[in-house]
């Protein structure tokens, strides 16, 4: 009986070990900017994590969200390849684009494909979907986040009469009713 139990445990361990030797990649896509505006740089970061126990080979990352009609690619590539990502490690990739027009934009998920173990077909995975984000126009962005120096200057100009008139009356009254000290 002990021999039978030992063989069963050995077989279970072998099957579990064979299943654990696969690579499993998680892809996370995120926007690094707090505010997205047209004609300003927008940084996108991709993090690939290999949480499996095997090496992922022939890893390809592709993101088709950024069409040339909507975005200008400033830095990086939207399609990247790595020969391998070791087990328990991660890889980071970033691109910088500029939105060409304002409005709502749907940021869809990126695609990763890799070989999880030798002799197995290609495995596909998708990143998280950021969803619909508003791209502010340059005019709207400046209205919300500018220093508003013109507005503050006009405000100070409009406040001057309410401060200067009482001050002028005070000095006129003081000069009229104060005693002048004669010097001998």
Protein backbone atom coordinates (compact mmCIF):
# COMPACT_ATOMS: atom_id res chain seq x y z
CA UNK A 1 0.00 0.00 0.00
CA UNK A 2 2.84 2.39 0.83
CA UNK A 3 4.48 1.57 -2.49
CA UNK A 4 1.20 2.26 -4.33
CA UNK A 5 0.75 5.59 -2.48
CA UNK A 6 4.36 6.56 -3.25
CA UNK A 7 3.90 5.85 -6.98
CA UNK A 8 0.67 7.89 -7.07
CA UNK A 9 2.38 10.82 -5.32
CA UNK A 10 5.33 10.58 -7.70
CA UNK A 11 3.02 10.63 -10.73
CA UNK A 12 1.02 13.57 -9.37
CA UNK A 13 4.23 15.48 -8.74
CA UNK A 14 5.44 14.73 -12.26
CA UNK A 15 2.15 15.92 -13.80
CA UNK A 16 2.08 19.03 -11.65
CA UNK A 17 5.72 19.76 -12.46
CA UNK A 18 5.08 19.44 -16.21
CA UNK A 19 2.16 21.87 -16.00
CA UNK A 20 4.18 24.39 -13.98
CA UNK A 21 6.95 24.61 -16.57
CA UNK A 22 4.81 26.79 -18.82
CA UNK A 23 5.28 30.51 -19.16
CA UNK A 24 2.35 32.78 -18.44
CA UNK A 25 2.57 36.45 -19.38
CA UNK A 26 0.40 39.19 -17.98
CA UNK A 27 0.34 42.45 -19.95
CA UNK A 28 -0.57 45.72 -18.24
CA UNK A 29 -1.09 48.89 -20.29
CA UNK A 30 -1.34 52.26 -18.58
CA UNK A 31 -1.30 55.95 -19.41
CA UNK A 32 1.31 57.88 -17.47
CA UNK A 33 -0.23 61.34 -18.00
CA UNK A 34 -2.81 62.74 -15.61
CA UNK A 35 -4.31 65.03 -18.25
CA UNK A 36 -4.48 64.17 -21.94
CA UNK A 37 -4.39 67.15 -24.31
CA UNK A 38 -4.06 67.53 -28.04
CA UNK A 39 -0.60 68.43 -29.37
CA UNK A 40 1.04 67.49 -26.02
CA UNK A 41 3.05 64.32 -25.39
CA UNK A 42 1.15 61.31 -24.10
CA UNK A 43 3.23 58.53 -22.51
CA UNK A 44 1.97 54.94 -22.59
CA UNK A 45 3.71 52.21 -20.58
CA UNK A 46 3.44 48.46 -21.15
CA UNK A 47 4.53 46.05 -18.41
CA UNK A 48 4.91 42.37 -19.26
CA UNK A 49 5.17 40.02 -16.28
CA UNK A 50 6.07 36.34 -16.69
CA UNK A 51 4.34 34.76 -13.70
CA UNK A 52 4.84 31.19 -14.93
CA UNK A 53 7.69 28.83 -14.13
CA UNK A 54 8.91 28.53 -17.72
CA UNK A 55 10.69 30.81 -20.15
CA UNK A 56 8.50 32.67 -22.65
CA UNK A 57 10.11 32.78 -26.09
CA UNK A 58 9.36 34.74 -29.27
CA UNK A 59 7.40 37.37 -27.34
CA UNK A 60 5.65 39.98 -29.49
CA UNK A 61 3.77 43.03 -28.23
CA UNK A 62 1.50 44.95 -30.62
CA UNK A 63 -0.84 47.86 -30.03
CA UNK A 64 -2.98 49.08 -32.91
CA UNK A 65 -4.84 51.76 -30.92
CA UNK A 66 -2.78 54.67 -32.19
CA UNK A 67 -3.73 55.29 -35.82
CA UNK A 68 -1.76 57.82 -37.84
CA UNK A 69 -4.89 59.90 -38.41
CA UNK A 70 -5.41 60.34 -34.64
CA UNK A 71 -1.89 60.24 -33.17
CA UNK A 72 1.66 61.14 -34.13
CA UNK A 73 4.27 58.68 -32.88
CA UNK A 74 7.03 60.68 -31.15
CA UNK A 75 9.12 57.96 -29.50
CA UNK A 76 9.09 54.17 -29.24
CA UNK A 77 7.43 51.50 -31.34
CA UNK A 78 3.89 50.14 -31.24
CA UNK A 79 5.10 46.67 -32.20
CA UNK A 80 8.03 45.16 -30.26
CA UNK A 81 9.69 41.71 -30.10
CA UNK A 82 11.78 40.00 -27.42
CA UNK A 83 13.52 36.67 -27.92
CA UNK A 84 12.79 35.52 -24.36
CA UNK A 85 11.42 36.60 -21.00
CA UNK A 86 12.65 34.48 -18.12
CA UNK A 87 10.36 33.04 -15.47
CA UNK A 88 9.58 35.45 -12.65
CA UNK A 89 10.91 38.48 -14.52
CA UNK A 90 9.30 41.44 -16.20
CA UNK A 91 9.88 43.76 -19.14
CA UNK A 92 8.76 47.37 -19.53
CA UNK A 93 8.20 49.19 -22.81
CA UNK A 94 7.05 52.78 -23.30
CA UNK A 95 5.91 54.87 -26.23
CA UNK A 96 5.21 58.59 -26.55
CA UNK A 97 2.51 59.83 -28.90
CA UNK A 98 0.80 63.17 -29.53
CA UNK A 99 -2.97 63.29 -29.99
CA UNK A 100 -3.80 65.25 -33.14
CA UNK A 101 -7.37 66.17 -32.22
CA UNK A 102 -9.56 66.67 -29.18
CA UNK A 103 -12.58 64.59 -28.16
CA UNK A 104 -13.30 61.25 -26.58
CA UNK A 105 -11.00 58.39 -27.58
CA UNK A 106 -11.35 54.69 -26.80
CA UNK A 107 -7.99 53.23 -25.76
CA UNK A 108 -8.29 49.53 -26.60
CA UNK A 109 -6.16 46.70 -25.32
CA UNK A 110 -2.75 45.67 -26.64
CA UNK A 111 -1.97 42.12 -27.77
CA UNK A 112 0.91 39.90 -26.66
CA UNK A 113 1.79 36.59 -28.30
CA UNK A 114 4.44 34.17 -27.12
CA UNK A 115 5.48 30.54 -27.04
CA UNK A 116 4.92 29.22 -23.52
CA UNK A 117 6.92 26.01 -23.96
CA UNK A 118 8.65 24.15 -26.78
CA UNK A 119 6.41 22.27 -29.13
CA UNK A 120 3.30 24.25 -28.18
CA UNK A 121 1.38 26.65 -30.40
CA UNK A 122 1.59 30.40 -29.93
CA UNK A 123 -0.31 31.75 -26.93
CA UNK A 124 -2.20 35.05 -27.23
CA UNK A 125 -3.03 37.45 -24.45
CA UNK A 126 -4.57 40.89 -24.13
CA UNK A 127 -3.79 43.80 -21.86
CA UNK A 128 -6.26 45.63 -19.73
CA UNK A 129 -8.52 48.00 -21.62
CA UNK A 130 -8.12 51.59 -20.48
CA UNK A 131 -11.41 52.55 -22.03
CA UNK A 132 -12.70 55.89 -23.19
CA UNK A 133 -10.70 58.94 -22.15
CA UNK A 134 -11.27 62.59 -22.97
CA UNK A 135 -8.58 64.39 -24.93
CA UNK A 136 -8.80 68.09 -24.09
CA UNK A 137 -8.34 70.74 -26.74
CA UNK A 138 -5.41 73.09 -26.25
CA UNK A 139 -7.80 76.00 -25.71
CA UNK A 140 -9.74 74.12 -23.02
CA UNK A 141 -6.53 72.99 -21.32
CA UNK A 142 -5.17 76.55 -21.19
CA UNK A 143 -8.49 77.81 -19.84
CA UNK A 144 -8.42 75.29 -17.00
CA UNK A 145 -4.72 75.25 -16.13
CA UNK A 146 -3.22 78.61 -17.15
CA UNK A 147 -2.01 81.16 -14.59
CA UNK A 148 -4.85 83.57 -15.57
CA UNK A 149 -2.60 86.65 -15.29
CA UNK A 150 -4.96 88.77 -17.41
CA UNK A 151 -7.91 87.93 -15.17
CA UNK A 152 -5.94 88.68 -12.00
CA UNK A 153 -4.72 92.00 -13.46
CA UNK A 154 -8.28 93.07 -14.31
CA UNK A 155 -9.46 91.99 -10.86
CA UNK A 156 -6.78 94.15 -9.21
CA UNK A 157 -7.69 97.09 -11.44
CA UNK A 158 -11.37 96.77 -10.52
CA UNK A 159 -10.53 96.53 -6.80
CA UNK A 160 -8.37 99.68 -6.82
CA UNK A 161 -11.25 102.21 -6.52
CA UNK A 162 -12.76 100.42 -3.51
CA UNK A 163 -9.36 100.54 -1.76
CA UNK A 164 -8.03 103.90 -3.01
CA UNK A 165 -11.13 106.09 -2.41
CA UNK A 166 -11.33 105.36 1.36
CA UNK A 167 -7.55 105.78 1.64
CA UNK A 168 -7.71 109.15 -0.14
CA UNK A 169 -10.56 110.32 2.12
CA UNK A 170 -8.58 109.27 5.19
CA UNK A 171 -5.49 111.25 4.17
CA UNK A 172 -7.54 114.34 3.23
CA UNK A 173 -9.35 114.21 6.56
CA UNK A 174 -6.14 113.67 8.48
CA UNK A 175 -4.44 116.65 6.81
CA UNK A 176 -7.42 118.89 7.40
CA UNK A 177 -7.99 118.08 11.07
CA UNK A 178 -4.54 117.25 12.38
CA UNK A 179 -2.56 119.89 14.22
CA UNK A 180 0.61 121.03 12.69
CA UNK A 181 3.51 121.13 15.08
CA UNK A 182 5.65 124.23 14.78
CA UNK A 183 9.38 123.87 15.06
CA UNK A 184 11.32 126.63 16.89
